[in-house]
Structures are given as C-alpha cells and as structure tokens.
C-alpha atoms as a PDB file:
ATOM      1  CA  UNK A   1       0.000   0.000   0.000  1.00  0.00           C
ATOM      2  CA  UNK A   2       1.171   3.491  -0.847  1.00  0.00           C
ATOM      3  CA  UNK A   3       0.197   6.576   1.139  1.00  0.00           C
ATOM      4  CA  UNK A   4      -1.062   9.632  -0.748  1.00  0.00           C
ATOM      5  CA  UNK A   5      -2.651  12.899   0.251  1.00  0.00           C
ATOM      6  CA  UNK A   6      -6.436  13.222   0.345  1.00  0.00           C
ATOM      7  CA  UNK A   7      -8.171  13.802  -2.998  1.00  0.00           C
ATOM      8  CA  UNK A   8     -11.798  13.987  -4.123  1.00  0.00           C
ATOM      9  CA  UNK A   9     -13.505  11.292  -6.171  1.00  0.00           C
ATOM     10  CA  UNK A  10     -14.086  12.575  -9.720  1.00  0.00           C
ATOM     11  CA  UNK A  11     -17.382  10.642  -9.827  1.00  0.00           C
ATOM     12  CA  UNK A  12     -19.140  11.814  -6.662  1.00  0.00           C
ATOM     13  CA  UNK A  13     -16.887  14.424  -5.023  1.00  0.00           C
ATOM     14  CA  UNK A  14     -16.373  12.431  -1.793  1.00  0.00           C
ATOM     15  CA  UNK A  15     -12.946  12.342  -0.185  1.00  0.00           C
ATOM     16  CA  UNK A  16     -10.929   9.357  -1.381  1.00  0.00           C
ATOM     17  CA  UNK A  17      -9.190   7.207   1.227  1.00  0.00           C
ATOM     18  CA  UNK A  18      -5.541   8.021   1.864  1.00  0.00           C
ATOM     19  CA  UNK A  19      -4.503   4.503   0.878  1.00  0.00           C
ATOM     20  CA  UNK A  20      -4.277   3.153  -2.626  1.00  0.00           C
ATOM     21  CA  UNK A  21      -4.105  -0.548  -3.485  1.00  0.00           C
ATOM     22  CA  UNK A  22      -2.539  -1.986  -6.620  1.00  0.00           C
ATOM     23  CA  UNK A  23      -2.390   1.456  -8.213  1.00  0.00           C
ATOM     24  CA  UNK A  24      -6.075   2.271  -7.629  1.00  0.00           C
ATOM     25  CA  UNK A  25      -8.099   4.288  -5.160  1.00  0.00           C
ATOM     26  CA  UNK A  26     -11.585   2.971  -4.407  1.00  0.00           C
ATOM     27  CA  UNK A  27     -14.158   5.545  -3.364  1.00  0.00           C
ATOM     28  CA  UNK A  28     -15.803   4.403  -0.138  1.00  0.00           C
ATOM     29  CA  UNK A  29     -18.914   6.415  -0.983  1.00  0.00           C
ATOM     30  CA  UNK A  30     -19.779   5.442  -4.575  1.00  0.00           C
ATOM     31  CA  UNK A  31     -17.434   2.457  -5.101  1.00  0.00           C
ATOM     32  CA  UNK A  32     -15.707   3.845  -8.212  1.00  0.00           C
ATOM     33  CA  UNK A  33     -12.095   2.746  -8.813  1.00  0.00           C
ATOM     34  CA  UNK A  34      -9.721   5.530  -9.866  1.00  0.00           C
ATOM     35  CA  UNK A  35      -6.206   4.951 -11.211  1.00  0.00           C
ATOM     36  CA  UNK A  36      -3.427   6.705  -9.312  1.00  0.00           C
ATOM     37  CA  UNK A  37      -2.252   8.240 -12.602  1.00  0.00           C
ATOM     38  CA  UNK A  38      -5.618   9.995 -12.913  1.00  0.00           C
ATOM     39  CA  UNK A  39      -5.136  11.793  -9.572  1.00  0.00           C
ATOM     40  CA  UNK A  40      -3.102  15.026  -9.629  1.00  0.00           C
ATOM     41  CA  UNK A  41       0.183  14.937  -7.690  1.00  0.00           C
ATOM     42  CA  UNK A  42      -0.078  15.970  -4.052  1.00  0.00           C
ATOM     43  CA  UNK A  43       1.887  19.163  -4.603  1.00  0.00           C
ATOM     44  CA  UNK A  44      -0.370  20.212  -7.490  1.00  0.00           C
ATOM     45  CA  UNK A  45      -1.898  23.557  -6.647  1.00  0.00           C
ATOM     46  CA  UNK A  46      -3.555  26.186  -8.728  1.00  0.00           C
ATOM     47  CA  UNK A  47      -0.627  28.500  -9.447  1.00  0.00           C
ATOM     48  CA  UNK A  48      -2.007  29.779 -12.756  1.00  0.00           C
ATOM     49  CA  UNK A  49      -3.080  33.420 -12.190  1.00  0.00           C
ATOM     50  CA  UNK A  50      -5.747  33.077 -14.893  1.00  0.00           C
ATOM     51  CA  UNK A  51      -7.464  30.274 -12.931  1.00  0.00           C
ATOM     52  CA  UNK A  52      -9.577  30.263  -9.762  1.00  0.00           C
ATOM     53  CA  UNK A  53     -10.797  27.559  -7.411  1.00  0.00           C
ATOM     54  CA  UNK A  54     -14.521  27.358  -6.690  1.00  0.00           C
ATOM     55  CA  UNK A  55     -15.252  25.294  -3.565  1.00  0.00           C
ATOM     56  CA  UNK A  56     -18.787  24.033  -2.954  1.00  0.00           C
ATOM     57  CA  UNK A  57     -20.050  22.711   0.379  1.00  0.00           C
ATOM     58  CA  UNK A  58     -23.437  21.013   0.709  1.00  0.00           C
ATOM     59  CA  UNK A  59     -24.984  20.929   4.175  1.00  0.00           C
ATOM     60  CA  UNK A  60     -28.311  19.184   4.621  1.00  0.00           C
ATOM     61  CA  UNK A  61     -28.004  17.658   8.107  1.00  0.00           C
ATOM     62  CA  UNK A  62     -31.465  18.580   9.296  1.00  0.00           C
ATOM     63  CA  UNK A  63     -33.348  16.385   6.861  1.00  0.00           C
ATOM     64  CA  UNK A  64     -34.376  12.746   6.933  1.00  0.00           C
ATOM     65  CA  UNK A  65     -33.715  12.199   3.234  1.00  0.00           C
ATOM     66  CA  UNK A  66     -30.663  13.920   1.747  1.00  0.00           C
ATOM     67  CA  UNK A  67     -30.583  13.721  -2.053  1.00  0.00           C
ATOM     68  CA  UNK A  68     -27.381  14.399  -3.968  1.00  0.00           C
ATOM     69  CA  UNK A  69     -26.947  17.896  -5.367  1.00  0.00           C
ATOM     70  CA  UNK A  70     -25.916  18.189  -9.014  1.00  0.00           C
ATOM     71  CA  UNK A  71     -24.083  21.207 -10.393  1.00  0.00           C
ATOM     72  CA  UNK A  72     -23.888  22.056 -14.079  1.00  0.00           C
ATOM     73  CA  UNK A  73     -21.190  24.588 -14.918  1.00  0.00           C
ATOM     74  CA  UNK A  74     -19.362  25.217 -18.198  1.00  0.00           C
ATOM     75  CA  UNK A  75     -21.082  22.208 -19.783  1.00  0.00           C
ATOM     76  CA  UNK A  76     -19.901  19.763 -17.107  1.00  0.00           C
ATOM     77  CA  UNK A  77     -21.992  18.070 -14.434  1.00  0.00           C
ATOM     78  CA  UNK A  78     -20.645  17.495 -10.925  1.00  0.00           C
ATOM     79  CA  UNK A  79     -22.260  15.641  -8.030  1.00  0.00           C
ATOM     80  CA  UNK A  80     -21.972  17.221  -4.589  1.00  0.00           C
ATOM     81  CA  UNK A  81     -22.522  14.927  -1.609  1.00  0.00           C
ATOM     82  CA  UNK A  82     -23.574  16.084   1.860  1.00  0.00           C
ATOM     83  CA  UNK A  83     -20.467  17.194   3.815  1.00  0.00           C
ATOM     84  CA  UNK A  84     -18.139  16.268   0.940  1.00  0.00           C
ATOM     85  CA  UNK A  85     -16.649  19.563  -0.298  1.00  0.00           C
ATOM     86  CA  UNK A  86     -16.005  19.769  -4.026  1.00  0.00           C
ATOM     87  CA  UNK A  87     -13.342  22.035  -5.536  1.00  0.00           C
ATOM     88  CA  UNK A  88     -13.359  22.985  -9.214  1.00  0.00           C
ATOM     89  CA  UNK A  89     -10.577  24.889 -10.996  1.00  0.00           C
ATOM     90  CA  UNK A  90     -11.964  27.362 -13.543  1.00  0.00           C
ATOM     91  CA  UNK A  91     -10.781  30.205 -15.712  1.00  0.00           C
ATOM     92  CA  UNK A  92     -11.584  33.627 -14.274  1.00  0.00           C
ATOM     93  CA  UNK A  93     -14.828  34.965 -15.673  1.00  0.00           C
ATOM     94  CA  UNK A  94     -18.612  34.847 -15.672  1.00  0.00           C
ATOM     95  CA  UNK A  95     -20.375  31.506 -15.174  1.00  0.00           C
ATOM     96  CA  UNK A  96     -23.964  30.311 -15.134  1.00  0.00           C
ATOM     97  CA  UNK A  97     -24.395  27.636 -12.471  1.00  0.00           C
ATOM     98  CA  UNK A  98     -27.404  25.331 -12.323  1.00  0.00           C
ATOM     99  CA  UNK A  99     -28.038  23.339  -9.156  1.00  0.00           C
ATOM    100  CA  UNK A 100     -30.428  20.372  -9.365  1.00  0.00           C
ATOM    101  CA  UNK A 101     -31.648  17.986  -6.703  1.00  0.00           C
ATOM    102  CA  UNK A 102     -34.744  15.840  -6.695  1.00  0.00           C
ATOM    103  CA  UNK A 103     -37.409  18.027  -8.361  1.00  0.00           C
ATOM    104  CA  UNK A 104     -35.762  21.320  -7.374  1.00  0.00           C
ATOM    105  CA  UNK A 105     -33.579  23.544  -9.536  1.00  0.00           C
ATOM    106  CA  UNK A 106     -31.781  26.852  -8.964  1.00  0.00           C
ATOM    107  CA  UNK A 107     -29.811  28.947 -11.440  1.00  0.00           C
ATOM    108  CA  UNK A 108     -27.304  31.612 -10.478  1.00  0.00           C
ATOM    109  CA  UNK A 109     -24.659  33.639 -12.285  1.00  0.00           C
ATOM    110  CA  UNK A 110     -21.254  34.349 -10.770  1.00  0.00           C
ATOM    111  CA  UNK A 111     -18.482  36.627 -11.999  1.00  0.00           C
ATOM    112  CA  UNK A 112     -15.385  35.026 -10.476  1.00  0.00           C
ATOM    113  CA  UNK A 113     -12.100  36.925 -10.257  1.00  0.00           C
ATOM    114  CA  UNK A 114     -10.536  34.955  -7.356  1.00  0.00           C
ATOM    115  CA  UNK A 115     -10.980  31.815  -5.281  1.00  0.00           C
ATOM    116  CA  UNK A 116     -14.513  31.488  -3.922  1.00  0.00           C
ATOM    117  CA  UNK A 117     -16.628  29.267  -1.710  1.00  0.00           C
ATOM    118  CA  UNK A 118     -20.352  28.528  -1.969  1.00  0.00           C
ATOM    119  CA  UNK A 119     -22.522  26.994   0.757  1.00  0.00           C
ATOM    120  CA  UNK A 120     -25.432  24.971  -0.648  1.00  0.00           C
ATOM    121  CA  UNK A 121     -28.446  23.898   1.367  1.00  0.00           C
ATOM    122  CA  UNK A 122     -32.226  23.939   1.572  1.00  0.00           C
ATOM    123  CA  UNK A 123     -34.688  26.597   2.646  1.00  0.00           C
ATOM    124  CA  UNK A 124     -36.492  24.928   5.561  1.00  0.00           C
ATOM    125  CA  UNK A 125     -39.744  26.793   4.861  1.00  0.00           C
ATOM    126  CA  UNK A 126     -40.101  26.620   1.071  1.00  0.00           C
ATOM    127  CA  UNK A 127     -37.920  23.582   0.318  1.00  0.00           C
ATOM    128  CA  UNK A 128     -36.068  25.580  -2.333  1.00  0.00           C
ATOM    129  CA  UNK A 129     -32.355  25.136  -2.968  1.00  0.00           C
ATOM    130  CA  UNK A 130     -30.379  27.973  -1.395  1.00  0.00           C
ATOM    131  CA  UNK A 131     -26.888  29.025  -2.407  1.00  0.00           C
ATOM    132  CA  UNK A 132     -24.876  31.431  -0.271  1.00  0.00           C
ATOM    133  CA  UNK A 133     -21.586  33.016  -1.247  1.00  0.00           C
ATOM    134  CA  UNK A 134     -18.924  33.170   1.451  1.00  0.00           C
ATOM    135  CA  UNK A 135     -17.551  36.662   1.981  1.00  0.00           C
ATOM    136  CA  UNK A 136     -15.277  37.227  -0.981  1.00  0.00           C
ATOM    137  CA  UNK A 137     -14.531  40.522  -2.689  1.00  0.00           C
ATOM    138  CA  UNK A 138     -13.378  38.856  -5.901  1.00  0.00           C
ATOM    139  CA  UNK A 139     -16.769  37.300  -6.733  1.00  0.00           C
ATOM    140  CA  UNK A 140     -19.953  39.037  -7.833  1.00  0.00           C
ATOM    141  CA  UNK A 141     -23.272  37.234  -7.361  1.00  0.00           C
ATOM    142  CA  UNK A 142     -25.238  38.488 -10.394  1.00  0.00           C
END
C-alpha cells in the first residue's frame, strides 16, 4: 500500500481514502475505482493566475432524506454529496451555475475573479435550494 494525500472522487466528489491498493483508489462512498495516474500529484496547486478555485459545500443535516446535489457549470456536471466539499478549478470569468436535486432547480450567475466558496443547502420553509456566497470581494453574485 502506498500513502497519498487526500483527494476527491471525480465521480461523486467524496474524499478518497488516503490509501491506494494496486495502483487504484476505491471511493468508499460510490465504489468507483480511480487509477493513481488519474489523480493530480499531491503538490499540485492552482498556481495559474488566470485560474480560480470554486469550492462548494453542501450541508443538509437537518433532513431525513438527503438527495445528492448536481451542479452544471461550463457544460460539465458534478455531483456534490452532503459534507463532501467539491473544488473545481476554472478560468476567471462569468459563469452560469445550475443546481439540481430531486425536483428542485436553482440557477445563479457568478463573476469570479478569485478563489470562492459557496454553501449549498435547503430553505427549511419553502424547500427551495439555497446558495450562499462566502464573503469574498473577488466574486460578484449576479
């Protein structure tokens, strides 16, 4: 067994175990096997000044049933699991984000000029998806 730093599963966004076996990680959440070669090196960081990191955190602890949250951004679909932060590296710029879960859908537009964090959850009264932007001067919620 080889030790590696913690990475996210490209299939579901859950944290992968720190151990890899026979050159593969196996996601404990969704069961997907990921080759070590497909995981960025542990010292890989976003050093490109034209890129930003968008981190999404989904918190739905107060509910009996917690459906996955799906994000569509720049033509790609990502799955966000409860308490499994997902980080996406993007070019700086304006993005339309669509969040979908169960029968609910929410669209927002962000103008991202620096790293940002979004908190995703549910409105306890209406049941609507809510998206809150962490304090960040380099992002405009349009």
